[in-house]
Amino acid sequence: MSPRKILHIDLDAFFCSVEELTQPQLKGKPFAVGGDPSGRSVVSSCSYAARQFGVHSAMPCSQALRLCPELIFVHSGFSSYTCESEKVMAIIRDLTPLVQQISIDEAFLDVSDLPQSGVQIAKRLQSDIYTRTQLPTSLGVASNKLMAKIANNIGKSAHKKPTPPMAITEVKPGEEAAFLADLSVRELWGVGPKMAERFNLMGFKTIGQIASMPVNQLEKVFGKSGRDLWERAQGLDDRPVAEDHSVKSVSQEVTFNKDVSDPEILRKQLLDLSEQVGYRLRKSGLCGTTIRLKIRWANFDTHTRQKKLNNPVDQDRVIYEQAYEQMMAFSPFHQPVRLIGVGVSGLTHSLHQLPLWETQDEKERRLLSAVDEVRARFGKDLLQRANTLKKK
């Protein structure tokens, strides 16, 4: 089974790049987007020419002016930034529907279903955005969100010239831990100044040193977040690319008492999970467009696969078929399965339009509605699919 292909895209000095669209005379000059330098305002963004003087975002404008007396301050208003951001995000969504926008100038993309390599896709996207908007971008390419974000940060920080980096930085599958090993603990997602100070007091300055710690030791020091820190230090991250921060999902998963290798047992369990998810969706009056499979091997290595559908669904059969297809993409299994889960996200309220002639989908919905009603009154075990019953 091939690893996921996740991209992290970040527009280079976005506010400044937008300002240069309407004021081309600013190109190559040290300037910043910010307020009155005589007041208490701070730098929102600064050009790469300004960064050569030590100016950076969140710096007081008065301090920035002292570092660079020639610094020009501009601000066209957020409406222009929003307009350009929407153009870029539209280009991204033309490439894939699996997009998670995390700020006005930043997003994750899941391009696992596209045939080209992650780097090829990144180059094409970077070129398309620049051709159509004249806005420079940098991208990180990896098998998960954590590594794509860190790769992009490292790629951009390595650029020291007074021009936008337009970097593309890849972390190949299997090289995550090696890529992280020598980086400062501050580069690890979730490690702020205070936590970094705690690590430094413990004698740990690099992510590799965190990765070498026994996980139970991290849990003693940092509580429940200890295991998360350990997994991140290994470069592990199974979070899906969700459409936006407000997206919620309906999911069910099961951890087996004994690791399972039998595909038929897994298939029946997948069917049961899909029925539970479908029932919960219908009970809540919801349907969703993205079907997600989660699978954890005996060695705790966890993978997720997801597929976005054209239309929202709440039917057990459709959920199961999509999840089963994703499960079989892992075949042949290289080791037993410890956990399996099914989820549906991209939720909307169920609004099924009644057709002139009853379709197969409508027949299925009527049947499911009747089954749901019986199970609600007499318990979910009263009605079972024939192919899930145990042979006597």
Protein backbone atom coordinates (compact mmCIF):
# COMPACT_ATOMS: atom_id res chain seq x y z
CA MET A 1 0.00 0.00 0.00
CA SER A 2 1.52 3.31 -1.06
CA PRO A 3 1.82 6.07 1.60
CA ARG A 4 -0.39 9.12 1.53
CA LYS A 5 0.71 12.20 -0.42
CA ILE A 6 0.06 15.31 1.68
CA LEU A 7 0.99 18.85 0.67
CA HIS A 8 1.29 21.89 2.91
CA ILE A 9 1.07 25.15 0.98
CA ASP A 10 2.01 28.55 2.35
CA LEU A 11 1.89 31.79 0.35
CA ASP A 12 5.23 33.62 0.62
CA ALA A 13 4.89 36.92 2.55
CA PHE A 14 1.26 36.89 1.46
CA PHE A 15 0.16 40.39 2.51
CA CYS A 16 3.27 41.91 0.93
CA SER A 17 2.83 39.88 -2.25
CA VAL A 18 -0.73 41.20 -2.56
CA GLU A 19 0.47 44.76 -2.03
CA GLU A 20 2.98 44.31 -4.87
CA LEU A 21 0.14 43.40 -7.24
CA THR A 22 -1.33 46.91 -6.97
CA GLN A 23 1.95 48.72 -6.25
CA PRO A 24 4.62 47.12 -8.48
CA GLN A 25 7.07 49.84 -7.45
CA LEU A 26 7.39 48.09 -4.08
CA LYS A 27 9.06 45.01 -5.58
CA GLY A 28 12.58 44.55 -4.30
CA LYS A 29 12.19 47.27 -1.68
CA PRO A 30 12.11 46.85 2.11
CA PHE A 31 8.49 47.39 3.12
CA ALA A 32 6.04 46.08 5.66
CA VAL A 33 2.32 45.75 6.15
CA GLY A 34 1.52 47.41 9.44
CA GLY A 35 0.15 50.44 11.23
CA ASP A 36 1.60 53.76 12.31
CA PRO A 37 5.22 53.21 13.46
CA SER A 38 4.82 56.06 15.95
CA GLY A 39 2.17 54.08 17.80
CA ARG A 40 2.03 50.59 19.28
CA SER A 41 1.23 48.70 16.08
CA VAL A 42 3.21 45.67 14.98
CA VAL A 43 4.40 44.31 11.65
CA SER A 44 1.80 42.00 10.09
CA SER A 45 4.06 40.94 7.22
CA CYS A 46 7.28 42.19 5.69
CA SER A 47 9.00 41.83 2.34
CA TYR A 48 12.00 39.56 1.97
CA ALA A 49 14.12 42.65 1.31
CA ALA A 50 13.09 43.97 4.75
CA ARG A 51 13.98 40.66 6.36
CA GLN A 52 17.58 41.23 5.34
CA PHE A 53 17.63 43.97 8.02
CA GLY A 54 16.24 41.70 10.73
CA VAL A 55 12.64 42.86 10.40
CA HIS A 56 10.03 40.13 11.01
CA SER A 57 6.31 39.76 11.63
CA ALA A 58 4.93 40.57 15.11
CA MET A 59 7.81 43.00 15.66
CA PRO A 60 6.78 46.50 16.90
CA CYS A 61 6.72 48.85 13.91
CA SER A 62 8.87 51.34 15.79
CA GLN A 63 11.58 48.72 16.30
CA ALA A 64 11.36 47.66 12.64
CA LEU A 65 11.90 51.27 11.58
CA ARG A 66 14.98 51.52 13.77
CA LEU A 67 16.43 48.39 12.16
CA CYS A 68 15.60 49.65 8.66
CA PRO A 69 15.17 53.45 8.44
CA GLU A 70 14.16 53.12 4.77
CA LEU A 71 11.28 50.77 5.63
CA ILE A 72 8.00 51.66 3.87
CA PHE A 73 4.71 50.93 5.66
CA VAL A 74 1.61 50.06 3.60
CA HIS A 75 -1.83 48.57 4.24
CA SER A 76 -4.50 48.25 1.55
CA GLY A 77 -7.06 46.64 3.83
CA PHE A 78 -8.05 43.04 4.49
CA SER A 79 -10.67 42.91 1.73
CA SER A 80 -7.93 42.77 -0.91
CA TYR A 81 -6.13 40.01 0.97
CA THR A 82 -9.33 38.00 1.33
CA CYS A 83 -10.10 38.36 -2.38
CA GLU A 84 -6.66 37.07 -3.44
CA SER A 85 -6.81 34.25 -0.89
CA GLU A 86 -10.12 33.06 -2.33
CA LYS A 87 -8.59 32.97 -5.81
CA VAL A 88 -5.72 30.78 -4.61
CA MET A 89 -7.97 28.44 -2.63
CA ALA A 90 -10.21 28.02 -5.69
CA ILE A 91 -7.17 26.90 -7.73
CA ILE A 92 -6.23 24.45 -4.98
CA ARG A 93 -9.75 22.99 -4.85
CA ASP A 94 -9.70 22.55 -8.61
CA LEU A 95 -6.85 20.11 -8.02
CA THR A 96 -8.43 18.13 -5.17
CA PRO A 97 -11.54 18.41 -2.98
CA LEU A 98 -9.56 17.20 0.05
CA VAL A 99 -8.40 20.61 1.28
CA GLN A 100 -8.06 21.94 4.81
CA GLN A 101 -7.57 25.69 4.86
CA ILE A 102 -5.98 26.66 8.17
CA SER A 103 -5.52 30.39 7.61
CA ILE A 104 -5.92 33.05 4.94
CA ASP A 105 -2.63 32.00 3.31
CA GLU A 106 -2.11 28.38 4.34
CA ALA A 107 -3.69 24.99 3.62
CA PHE A 108 -3.19 21.22 3.59
CA LEU A 109 -4.06 19.05 0.57
CA ASP A 110 -4.47 15.28 0.33
CA VAL A 111 -3.45 14.33 -3.21
CA SER A 112 -3.02 10.60 -2.58
CA ASP A 113 -5.42 9.67 -5.37
CA LEU A 114 -3.52 11.59 -8.06
CA PRO A 115 -1.09 9.50 -10.15
CA GLN A 116 1.85 11.93 -10.17
CA SER A 117 4.44 12.11 -7.40
CA GLY A 118 3.95 14.59 -4.59
CA VAL A 119 6.78 16.79 -5.86
CA GLN A 120 5.39 16.80 -9.40
CA ILE A 121 1.98 17.85 -8.09
CA ALA A 122 3.57 20.55 -5.92
CA LYS A 123 5.52 21.99 -8.87
CA ARG A 124 2.41 22.04 -11.03
CA LEU A 125 0.32 23.71 -8.34
CA GLN A 126 3.00 26.30 -7.56
CA SER A 127 3.30 27.14 -11.25
CA ASP A 128 -0.48 27.33 -11.78
CA ILE A 129 -0.97 29.68 -8.83
CA TYR A 130 1.84 31.98 -9.91
CA THR A 131 0.70 32.02 -13.54
CA ARG A 132 -2.88 32.86 -12.64
CA THR A 133 -2.36 35.19 -9.65
CA GLN A 134 1.32 36.27 -9.67
CA LEU A 135 1.48 35.16 -6.02
CA PRO A 136 4.53 33.11 -4.91
CA THR A 137 4.05 30.00 -2.80
CA SER A 138 6.14 27.40 -1.00
CA LEU A 139 5.13 23.78 -0.41
CA GLY A 140 6.05 20.89 1.84
CA VAL A 141 5.55 17.34 0.57
CA ALA A 142 5.30 14.33 2.89
CA SER A 143 3.21 11.33 3.90
CA ASN A 144 1.37 13.22 6.67
CA LYS A 145 0.36 16.72 7.76
CA LEU A 146 2.94 17.04 10.51
CA MET A 147 5.88 16.34 8.21
CA ALA A 148 4.52 18.41 5.31
CA LYS A 149 4.19 21.44 7.61
CA ILE A 150 7.67 21.03 9.13
CA ALA A 151 9.22 20.39 5.71
CA ASN A 152 7.75 23.62 4.40
CA ASN A 153 8.95 25.57 7.45
CA ILE A 154 12.49 24.24 7.01
CA GLY A 155 12.48 24.85 3.26
CA LYS A 156 11.38 28.47 3.67
CA SER A 157 13.77 29.20 6.56
CA ALA A 158 16.73 27.95 4.50
CA HIS A 159 16.10 30.76 1.99
CA LYS A 160 18.24 33.79 2.83
CA LYS A 161 17.82 35.92 -0.31
CA PRO A 162 15.77 39.15 -0.60
CA THR A 163 13.28 37.37 -2.86
CA PRO A 164 10.35 34.99 -2.16
CA PRO A 165 11.67 31.45 -1.58
CA MET A 166 9.10 29.57 -3.72
CA ALA A 167 10.55 26.46 -2.08
CA ILE A 168 9.41 22.86 -2.50
CA THR A 169 10.72 20.59 0.24
CA GLU A 170 10.03 16.86 0.37
CA VAL A 171 10.34 14.33 3.16
CA LYS A 172 10.23 10.89 1.58
CA PRO A 173 8.26 8.10 3.27
CA GLY A 174 10.44 6.26 5.75
CA GLU A 175 12.79 9.22 6.22
CA GLU A 176 10.61 11.17 8.66
CA ALA A 177 12.58 10.41 11.84
CA ALA A 178 15.92 11.06 10.14
CA PHE A 179 14.66 14.40 8.79
CA LEU A 180 13.57 15.47 12.28
CA ALA A 181 16.49 14.11 14.25
CA ASP A 182 18.77 17.18 14.24
CA LEU A 183 16.05 19.84 14.28
CA SER A 184 15.45 21.97 17.36
CA VAL A 185 12.63 20.85 19.64
CA ARG A 186 10.93 24.16 18.81
CA GLU A 187 10.28 22.86 15.29
CA LEU A 188 8.02 20.11 16.67
CA TRP A 189 4.33 20.83 16.34
CA GLY A 190 2.87 21.65 19.77
CA VAL A 191 6.16 22.59 21.43
CA GLY A 192 6.05 26.21 22.53
CA PRO A 193 8.63 28.27 24.45
CA LYS A 194 7.66 26.91 27.87
CA MET A 195 7.69 23.26 26.80
CA ALA A 196 10.95 23.80 24.92
CA GLU A 197 12.44 25.20 28.12
CA ARG A 198 11.34 22.09 30.01
CA PHE A 199 13.00 19.90 27.38
CA ASN A 200 16.18 21.98 27.58
CA LEU A 201 16.26 21.59 31.36
CA MET A 202 16.00 17.84 30.82
CA GLY A 203 19.00 18.06 28.50
CA PHE A 204 17.06 17.60 25.27
CA LYS A 205 17.60 20.16 22.52
CA THR A 206 16.77 18.15 19.36
CA ILE A 207 13.72 16.24 18.19
CA GLY A 208 15.87 13.14 17.80
CA GLN A 209 16.60 13.20 21.52
CA ILE A 210 12.87 13.26 22.24
CA ALA A 211 12.34 10.35 19.85
CA SER A 212 14.95 8.30 21.72
CA MET A 213 13.18 8.73 25.07
CA PRO A 214 11.01 5.85 26.35
CA VAL A 215 7.40 6.82 25.77
CA ASN A 216 6.43 6.03 29.38
CA GLN A 217 9.04 8.53 30.60
CA LEU A 218 7.48 11.25 28.43
CA GLU A 219 4.04 10.34 29.78
CA LYS A 220 5.30 10.71 33.36
CA VAL A 221 6.61 14.20 32.62
CA PHE A 222 3.95 15.52 30.22
CA GLY A 223 0.92 13.40 31.06
CA LYS A 224 -1.44 12.40 28.25
CA SER A 225 0.40 14.59 25.74
CA GLY A 226 3.58 12.57 26.31
CA ARG A 227 2.63 9.87 23.81
CA ASP A 228 1.59 12.51 21.24
CA LEU A 229 4.99 14.18 21.61
CA TRP A 230 6.76 10.84 21.19
CA GLU A 231 4.76 9.98 18.05
CA ARG A 232 5.39 13.40 16.53
CA ALA A 233 9.10 13.07 17.25
CA GLN A 234 9.01 9.85 15.19
CA GLY A 235 7.28 11.74 12.38
CA LEU A 236 3.98 9.87 12.90
CA ASP A 237 0.65 11.59 12.22
CA ASP A 238 -2.51 9.85 11.00
CA ARG A 239 -4.84 12.86 11.06
CA PRO A 240 -6.91 13.26 7.91
CA VAL A 241 -7.06 16.40 5.80
CA ALA A 242 -10.45 17.80 6.86
CA GLU A 243 -12.34 20.41 4.86
CA ASP A 244 -12.12 23.00 7.63
CA HIS A 245 -11.74 23.37 11.39
CA SER A 246 -15.50 23.23 11.99
CA VAL A 247 -15.88 19.84 10.32
CA LYS A 248 -17.04 17.11 12.64
CA SER A 249 -17.34 13.44 11.87
CA VAL A 250 -19.34 10.40 12.92
CA SER A 251 -17.07 7.42 13.46
CA GLN A 252 -16.86 4.01 15.08
CA GLU A 253 -13.78 1.90 15.72
CA VAL A 254 -12.93 -1.29 17.52
CA THR A 255 -9.72 -2.56 19.11
CA PHE A 256 -9.55 -6.34 18.92
CA ASN A 257 -8.78 -8.36 22.04
CA LYS A 258 -6.49 -10.42 19.83
CA ASP A 259 -4.84 -9.13 16.64
CA VAL A 260 -6.75 -10.26 13.54
CA SER A 261 -5.31 -11.60 10.28
CA ASP A 262 -8.46 -13.17 8.79
CA PRO A 263 -9.83 -10.87 6.01
CA GLU A 264 -13.33 -12.28 6.46
CA ILE A 265 -13.41 -11.33 10.14
CA LEU A 266 -12.21 -7.85 9.22
CA ARG A 267 -14.84 -7.58 6.48
CA LYS A 268 -17.68 -8.48 8.87
CA GLN A 269 -16.36 -6.07 11.47
CA LEU A 270 -16.16 -3.34 8.83
CA LEU A 271 -19.77 -4.01 7.86
CA ASP A 272 -20.87 -3.77 11.49
CA LEU A 273 -18.99 -0.51 11.99
CA SER A 274 -20.47 0.93 8.80
CA GLU A 275 -23.98 0.06 9.98
CA GLN A 276 -23.33 1.77 13.31
CA VAL A 277 -22.03 4.91 11.59
CA GLY A 278 -24.95 4.94 9.15
CA TYR A 279 -27.48 4.54 11.98
CA ARG A 280 -25.92 7.40 13.96
CA LEU A 281 -25.94 9.64 10.89
CA ARG A 282 -29.62 8.99 10.16
CA LYS A 283 -30.55 9.37 13.82
CA SER A 284 -28.89 12.79 13.83
CA GLY A 285 -30.40 13.80 10.49
CA LEU A 286 -26.96 14.04 8.92
CA CYS A 287 -25.13 12.76 5.87
CA GLY A 288 -21.52 13.16 4.80
CA THR A 289 -19.32 13.32 1.73
CA THR A 290 -16.00 11.87 2.95
CA ILE A 291 -15.58 8.21 3.97
CA ARG A 292 -12.55 7.46 6.13
CA LEU A 293 -10.92 4.14 7.05
CA LYS A 294 -8.53 3.86 9.99
CA ILE A 295 -6.37 0.79 10.49
CA ARG A 296 -3.76 0.08 13.16
CA TRP A 297 -1.33 -2.79 12.82
CA ALA A 298 -0.06 -5.02 15.61
CA ASN A 299 3.04 -2.83 15.99
CA PHE A 300 0.79 0.24 16.63
CA ASP A 301 1.64 1.73 13.22
CA THR A 302 -1.56 3.54 12.21
CA HIS A 303 -2.78 4.51 8.74
CA THR A 304 -5.85 6.31 7.43
CA ARG A 305 -7.36 6.49 3.96
CA GLN A 306 -10.24 8.68 2.90
CA LYS A 307 -12.32 9.28 -0.20
CA LYS A 308 -14.61 12.17 -1.03
CA LEU A 309 -17.86 11.38 -2.84
CA ASN A 310 -19.79 13.58 -5.21
CA ASN A 311 -22.95 13.43 -3.11
CA PRO A 312 -23.50 13.19 0.67
CA VAL A 313 -24.57 9.76 1.94
CA ASP A 314 -25.99 8.16 5.07
CA GLN A 315 -26.51 4.61 3.75
CA ASP A 316 -24.74 1.69 5.42
CA ARG A 317 -24.07 0.00 2.08
CA VAL A 318 -22.32 2.98 0.51
CA ILE A 319 -20.25 3.63 3.63
CA TYR A 320 -19.27 -0.03 3.82
CA GLU A 321 -18.39 -0.34 0.12
CA GLN A 322 -16.12 2.70 0.21
CA ALA A 323 -14.47 1.64 3.47
CA TYR A 324 -14.00 -1.93 2.24
CA GLU A 325 -12.41 -0.67 -0.98
CA GLN A 326 -9.95 1.35 1.07
CA MET A 327 -9.23 -1.59 3.37
CA MET A 328 -8.50 -3.90 0.43
CA ALA A 329 -6.00 -1.36 -0.87
CA PHE A 330 -3.80 -2.50 2.06
CA SER A 331 -3.98 -6.14 0.88
CA PRO A 332 -2.00 -8.30 1.28
CA PHE A 333 -1.70 -7.35 4.94
CA HIS A 334 1.91 -7.36 6.07
CA GLN A 335 0.92 -8.01 9.70
CA PRO A 336 -2.18 -8.57 11.86
CA VAL A 337 -4.66 -5.77 12.56
CA ARG A 338 -5.03 -4.37 16.07
CA LEU A 339 -7.71 -1.72 15.41
CA ILE A 340 -10.06 -0.84 12.59
CA GLY A 341 -12.39 2.14 12.29
CA VAL A 342 -14.83 3.83 9.92
CA GLY A 343 -15.77 7.50 9.85
CA VAL A 344 -17.84 9.92 7.79
CA SER A 345 -17.06 13.65 7.67
CA GLY A 346 -18.02 16.67 5.58
CA LEU A 347 -21.39 16.57 7.32
CA THR A 348 -24.56 18.29 6.17
CA HIS A 349 -28.20 17.95 7.15
CA SER A 350 -30.03 15.21 5.27
CA LEU A 351 -32.27 16.65 2.55
CA HIS A 352 -33.41 13.87 0.22
CA GLN A 353 -35.54 15.05 -2.67
CA LEU A 354 -38.39 12.69 -3.55
CA PRO A 355 -38.04 11.58 -7.19
CA LEU A 356 -40.94 11.00 -9.61
CA TRP A 357 -40.09 7.28 -9.72
CA GLU A 358 -38.80 5.36 -6.75
CA THR A 359 -35.09 4.66 -7.23
CA GLN A 360 -33.00 1.92 -5.66
CA ASP A 361 -31.55 4.51 -3.27
CA GLU A 362 -35.03 5.55 -2.14
CA LYS A 363 -36.04 1.92 -1.61
CA GLU A 364 -32.92 1.42 0.49
CA ARG A 365 -33.63 4.53 2.54
CA ARG A 366 -37.19 3.34 3.23
CA LEU A 367 -35.84 -0.06 4.30
CA LEU A 368 -33.18 1.51 6.52
CA SER A 369 -35.77 3.80 8.07
CA ALA A 370 -37.92 0.79 8.96
CA VAL A 371 -34.90 -1.12 10.31
CA ASP A 372 -33.84 1.88 12.39
CA GLU A 373 -37.33 2.13 13.88
CA VAL A 374 -37.40 -1.56 14.83
CA ARG A 375 -33.92 -1.41 16.37
CA ALA A 376 -34.81 1.75 18.29
CA ARG A 377 -37.83 -0.01 19.83
CA PHE A 378 -36.46 -3.52 20.37
CA GLY A 379 -32.67 -3.22 20.34
CA LYS A 380 -30.08 -3.25 17.58
CA ASP A 381 -29.44 -7.01 17.82
CA LEU A 382 -33.01 -7.98 16.87
CA LEU A 383 -32.34 -7.46 13.16
CA GLN A 384 -29.05 -8.59 11.65
CA ARG A 385 -27.76 -9.06 8.13
CA ALA A 386 -27.69 -12.72 7.14
CA ASN A 387 -24.02 -12.63 6.16
CA THR A 388 -23.00 -11.45 9.65
CA LEU A 389 -24.70 -14.29 11.53
CA LYS A 390 -22.46 -16.93 13.08
CA LYS A 391 -22.79 -20.42 11.67
CA LYS A 392 -24.04 -22.98 14.18
